[in-house]
Amino acid sequence: MAAKWYYRWFADGVVHDAPVDEEIERIEREIPGVRIDVVPEEGQRLSQMEQQDSYSFELAHIFTGGDSEEDLREKYDRCVAALNLLFDAGAPGARREQHG
């Protein structure tokens, strides 16, 4: 089985500590059968990304392959946790939130 997951967030913010290519490659090695494409770049405001919904923002596309729906979901959850995306919520100076 295979799935493409859209890791989304439902509030605006500025991306901090986005994983670099080496970190993404490490996650892909540690979790067999996954590919990760992080959408926003370091320092980017989510609401300024192109081709987004008016109510949510794509943080990553996560592709999983596995033996069952449960296996696919477990791999997705592990990827989200490993990405450890951080961004400041809302206006400049607002609190920093961790997602993953």
Protein backbone atom coordinates (compact mmCIF):
# COMPACT_ATOMS: atom_id res chain seq x y z
CA MET A 1 0.00 0.00 0.00
CA ALA A 2 1.06 3.62 -0.47
CA ALA A 3 -0.24 7.03 0.55
CA LYS A 4 0.52 10.70 0.08
CA TRP A 5 -0.16 12.70 3.24
CA TYR A 6 -0.56 16.46 3.45
CA TYR A 7 0.86 17.68 6.74
CA ARG A 8 -1.13 20.91 7.24
CA TRP A 9 -1.38 23.66 9.83
CA PHE A 10 -4.42 25.85 10.47
CA ALA A 11 -2.81 29.10 11.69
CA ASP A 12 -0.40 31.59 10.18
CA GLY A 13 3.22 31.78 11.30
CA VAL A 14 6.84 32.26 10.24
CA VAL A 15 8.91 29.08 9.78
CA HIS A 16 11.97 28.62 11.99
CA ASP A 17 14.31 25.66 12.26
CA ALA A 18 13.10 24.02 9.05
CA PRO A 19 14.93 20.73 8.50
CA VAL A 20 17.83 20.84 6.05
CA ASP A 21 18.29 18.23 3.32
CA GLU A 22 20.62 16.11 5.49
CA GLU A 23 18.02 15.92 8.27
CA ILE A 24 15.29 14.91 5.84
CA GLU A 25 17.57 12.25 4.32
CA ARG A 26 18.30 10.89 7.84
CA ILE A 27 14.57 10.61 8.60
CA GLU A 28 13.98 8.84 5.28
CA ARG A 29 16.77 6.35 6.10
CA GLU A 30 15.46 5.73 9.63
CA ILE A 31 11.84 5.19 8.53
CA PRO A 32 11.88 2.78 5.57
CA GLY A 33 9.41 3.45 2.77
CA VAL A 34 8.98 7.21 3.25
CA ARG A 35 9.79 10.31 1.22
CA ILE A 36 9.36 13.84 2.59
CA ASP A 37 8.98 17.15 0.78
CA VAL A 38 8.92 20.11 3.18
CA VAL A 39 6.92 22.93 1.58
CA PRO A 40 7.81 26.22 3.33
CA GLU A 41 11.34 27.56 3.48
CA GLU A 42 13.18 28.85 6.54
CA GLY A 43 11.89 32.33 7.43
CA GLN A 44 8.82 32.10 5.19
CA ARG A 45 5.41 33.28 6.43
CA LEU A 46 2.86 30.54 5.82
CA SER A 47 0.22 32.96 4.52
CA GLN A 48 2.64 34.14 1.81
CA MET A 49 3.12 30.71 0.26
CA GLU A 50 1.55 30.23 -3.16
CA GLN A 51 -1.33 27.88 -3.94
CA GLN A 52 -2.60 27.38 -0.37
CA ASP A 53 -6.11 27.04 0.99
CA SER A 54 -7.60 30.11 2.63
CA TYR A 55 -7.88 28.23 5.95
CA SER A 56 -4.77 25.98 6.14
CA PHE A 57 -1.16 25.73 5.02
CA GLU A 58 0.90 22.80 3.71
CA LEU A 59 3.92 22.11 5.91
CA ALA A 60 5.04 18.93 4.12
CA HIS A 61 4.04 16.23 1.67
CA ILE A 62 4.83 12.85 3.19
CA PHE A 63 4.79 9.74 1.00
CA THR A 64 4.54 6.40 2.80
CA GLY A 65 4.64 2.80 1.70
CA GLY A 66 3.72 -0.11 3.94
CA ASP A 67 1.86 -3.35 4.54
CA SER A 68 -1.36 -1.89 5.98
CA GLU A 69 -3.24 1.34 6.62
CA GLU A 70 -2.01 1.17 10.21
CA ASP A 71 1.60 0.91 9.00
CA LEU A 72 1.12 3.93 6.70
CA ARG A 73 -0.35 5.99 9.54
CA GLU A 74 2.41 5.00 11.97
CA LYS A 75 5.08 6.05 9.46
CA TYR A 76 3.32 9.37 8.83
CA ASP A 77 3.11 10.07 12.58
CA ARG A 78 6.81 9.24 13.02
CA CYS A 79 7.73 11.59 10.17
CA VAL A 80 5.70 14.46 11.62
CA ALA A 81 7.38 13.98 15.00
CA ALA A 82 10.86 13.75 13.46
CA LEU A 83 10.41 16.89 11.32
CA ASN A 84 10.02 18.94 14.51
CA LEU A 85 8.92 22.03 12.57
CA LEU A 86 9.02 25.30 14.52
CA PHE A 87 7.49 28.64 13.69
CA ASP A 88 6.37 31.84 15.36
CA ALA A 89 2.59 32.01 15.39
CA GLY A 90 0.79 35.09 14.12
CA ALA A 91 2.30 38.55 14.34
CA PRO A 92 5.98 39.34 14.88
CA GLY A 93 6.89 38.82 18.52
CA ALA A 94 4.18 36.20 19.08
CA ARG A 95 4.94 32.93 20.86
CA ARG A 96 6.93 30.20 19.15
CA GLU A 97 5.10 26.92 18.55
CA GLN A 98 6.53 23.48 17.89
CA HIS A 99 4.71 21.08 15.58
CA GLY A 100 5.59 17.45 15.40
